[in-house]
């Protein structure tokens, strides 16, 4: 075990036994919330791609895009998060 692992193990043993399940529940809740958020972001990106793919080449050109460039701007949107 590393020093950090030893410190974490000591810290867990110092906690009352009823706090450990609550901490685990909070971690699980955060993990679920993160998974839901990532799924929503992926859905938003997919919907944006579908909307762009439904446009004509002329409409895309007005936006300064070509059909083969559609994934690029959608992926770049993710960099803002």
C-alpha atoms as a PDB file:
ATOM      1  CA  UNK A   1       0.000   0.000   0.000  1.00  0.00           C
ATOM      2  CA  UNK A   2       1.135   3.528  -0.675  1.00  0.00           C
ATOM      3  CA  UNK A   3       1.232   6.193   1.997  1.00  0.00           C
ATOM      4  CA  UNK A   4      -1.934   7.737   0.588  1.00  0.00           C
ATOM      5  CA  UNK A   5      -3.667   4.358   0.677  1.00  0.00           C
ATOM      6  CA  UNK A   6      -2.601   3.845   4.284  1.00  0.00           C
ATOM      7  CA  UNK A   7      -3.867   7.298   5.184  1.00  0.00           C
ATOM      8  CA  UNK A   8      -7.210   6.613   3.495  1.00  0.00           C
ATOM      9  CA  UNK A   9      -7.513   3.260   5.255  1.00  0.00           C
ATOM     10  CA  UNK A  10      -6.739   4.880   8.617  1.00  0.00           C
ATOM     11  CA  UNK A  11      -9.277   7.607   7.879  1.00  0.00           C
ATOM     12  CA  UNK A  12     -11.990   5.047   7.098  1.00  0.00           C
ATOM     13  CA  UNK A  13     -11.270   3.186  10.333  1.00  0.00           C
ATOM     14  CA  UNK A  14     -11.543   6.441  12.285  1.00  0.00           C
ATOM     15  CA  UNK A  15     -15.071   7.033  10.957  1.00  0.00           C
ATOM     16  CA  UNK A  16     -18.139   5.707  12.777  1.00  0.00           C
ATOM     17  CA  UNK A  17     -19.472   2.637  10.971  1.00  0.00           C
ATOM     18  CA  UNK A  18     -22.716   4.367   9.927  1.00  0.00           C
ATOM     19  CA  UNK A  19     -20.825   7.045   7.952  1.00  0.00           C
ATOM     20  CA  UNK A  20     -19.053   4.627   5.603  1.00  0.00           C
ATOM     21  CA  UNK A  21     -22.241   3.404   3.852  1.00  0.00           C
ATOM     22  CA  UNK A  22     -23.387   7.022   3.463  1.00  0.00           C
ATOM     23  CA  UNK A  23     -20.112   7.970   1.804  1.00  0.00           C
ATOM     24  CA  UNK A  24     -20.398   4.994  -0.532  1.00  0.00           C
ATOM     25  CA  UNK A  25     -23.970   5.992  -1.350  1.00  0.00           C
ATOM     26  CA  UNK A  26     -22.873   9.559  -2.135  1.00  0.00           C
ATOM     27  CA  UNK A  27     -20.103   8.258  -4.419  1.00  0.00           C
ATOM     28  CA  UNK A  28     -22.580   6.000  -6.197  1.00  0.00           C
ATOM     29  CA  UNK A  29     -25.010   8.898  -6.563  1.00  0.00           C
ATOM     30  CA  UNK A  30     -22.297  11.098  -8.086  1.00  0.00           C
ATOM     31  CA  UNK A  31     -21.332   8.304 -10.479  1.00  0.00           C
ATOM     32  CA  UNK A  32     -24.948   7.906 -11.612  1.00  0.00           C
ATOM     33  CA  UNK A  33     -25.362  11.674 -12.011  1.00  0.00           C
ATOM     34  CA  UNK A  34     -22.165  11.862 -14.088  1.00  0.00           C
ATOM     35  CA  UNK A  35     -23.317   8.979 -16.295  1.00  0.00           C
ATOM     36  CA  UNK A  36     -26.699  10.645 -16.872  1.00  0.00           C
ATOM     37  CA  UNK A  37     -25.019  13.955 -17.719  1.00  0.00           C
ATOM     38  CA  UNK A  38     -22.651  12.275 -20.188  1.00  0.00           C
ATOM     39  CA  UNK A  39     -25.571  10.445 -21.811  1.00  0.00           C
ATOM     40  CA  UNK A  40     -27.479  13.718 -22.191  1.00  0.00           C
ATOM     41  CA  UNK A  41     -24.455  15.419 -23.734  1.00  0.00           C
ATOM     42  CA  UNK A  42     -23.977  12.532 -26.173  1.00  0.00           C
ATOM     43  CA  UNK A  43     -27.659  12.675 -27.106  1.00  0.00           C
ATOM     44  CA  UNK A  44     -27.381  16.419 -27.734  1.00  0.00           C
ATOM     45  CA  UNK A  45     -24.345  15.917 -29.985  1.00  0.00           C
ATOM     46  CA  UNK A  46     -26.130  13.136 -31.890  1.00  0.00           C
ATOM     47  CA  UNK A  47     -29.204  15.336 -32.372  1.00  0.00           C
ATOM     48  CA  UNK A  48     -27.007  18.186 -33.648  1.00  0.00           C
ATOM     49  CA  UNK A  49     -25.317  15.833 -36.136  1.00  0.00           C
ATOM     50  CA  UNK A  50     -28.701  14.552 -37.320  1.00  0.00           C
ATOM     51  CA  UNK A  51     -29.975  18.108 -37.776  1.00  0.00           C
ATOM     52  CA  UNK A  52     -26.904  19.072 -39.789  1.00  0.00           C
ATOM     53  CA  UNK A  53     -27.091  15.889 -41.878  1.00  0.00           C
ATOM     54  CA  UNK A  54     -30.724  16.701 -42.719  1.00  0.00           C
ATOM     55  CA  UNK A  55     -29.676  20.056 -44.231  1.00  0.00           C
ATOM     56  CA  UNK A  56     -28.965  20.494 -47.895  1.00  0.00           C
ATOM     57  CA  UNK A  57     -25.437  21.113 -49.134  1.00  0.00           C
ATOM     58  CA  UNK A  58     -26.471  24.708 -49.922  1.00  0.00           C
ATOM     59  CA  UNK A  59     -27.662  25.250 -46.339  1.00  0.00           C
ATOM     60  CA  UNK A  60     -24.444  23.791 -44.986  1.00  0.00           C
ATOM     61  CA  UNK A  61     -22.432  26.030 -47.331  1.00  0.00           C
ATOM     62  CA  UNK A  62     -24.247  29.087 -45.932  1.00  0.00           C
ATOM     63  CA  UNK A  63     -22.975  28.015 -42.522  1.00  0.00           C
ATOM     64  CA  UNK A  64     -19.459  27.567 -43.906  1.00  0.00           C
ATOM     65  CA  UNK A  65     -19.609  23.771 -43.652  1.00  0.00           C
ATOM     66  CA  UNK A  66     -19.257  20.843 -45.986  1.00  0.00           C
ATOM     67  CA  UNK A  67     -20.968  17.543 -45.276  1.00  0.00           C
ATOM     68  CA  UNK A  68     -17.629  15.850 -44.540  1.00  0.00           C
ATOM     69  CA  UNK A  69     -16.939  18.451 -41.823  1.00  0.00           C
ATOM     70  CA  UNK A  70     -20.098  17.905 -39.794  1.00  0.00           C
ATOM     71  CA  UNK A  71     -18.552  15.851 -36.980  1.00  0.00           C
ATOM     72  CA  UNK A  72     -15.798  18.414 -36.371  1.00  0.00           C
ATOM     73  CA  UNK A  73     -17.931  21.342 -35.135  1.00  0.00           C
ATOM     74  CA  UNK A  74     -20.073  19.042 -33.020  1.00  0.00           C
ATOM     75  CA  UNK A  75     -17.009  17.562 -31.302  1.00  0.00           C
ATOM     76  CA  UNK A  76     -15.555  21.044 -30.804  1.00  0.00           C
ATOM     77  CA  UNK A  77     -18.748  22.040 -28.951  1.00  0.00           C
ATOM     78  CA  UNK A  78     -17.849  19.461 -26.327  1.00  0.00           C
ATOM     79  CA  UNK A  79     -14.549  21.223 -25.618  1.00  0.00           C
ATOM     80  CA  UNK A  80     -16.506  24.100 -24.068  1.00  0.00           C
ATOM     81  CA  UNK A  81     -17.825  21.894 -21.244  1.00  0.00           C
END
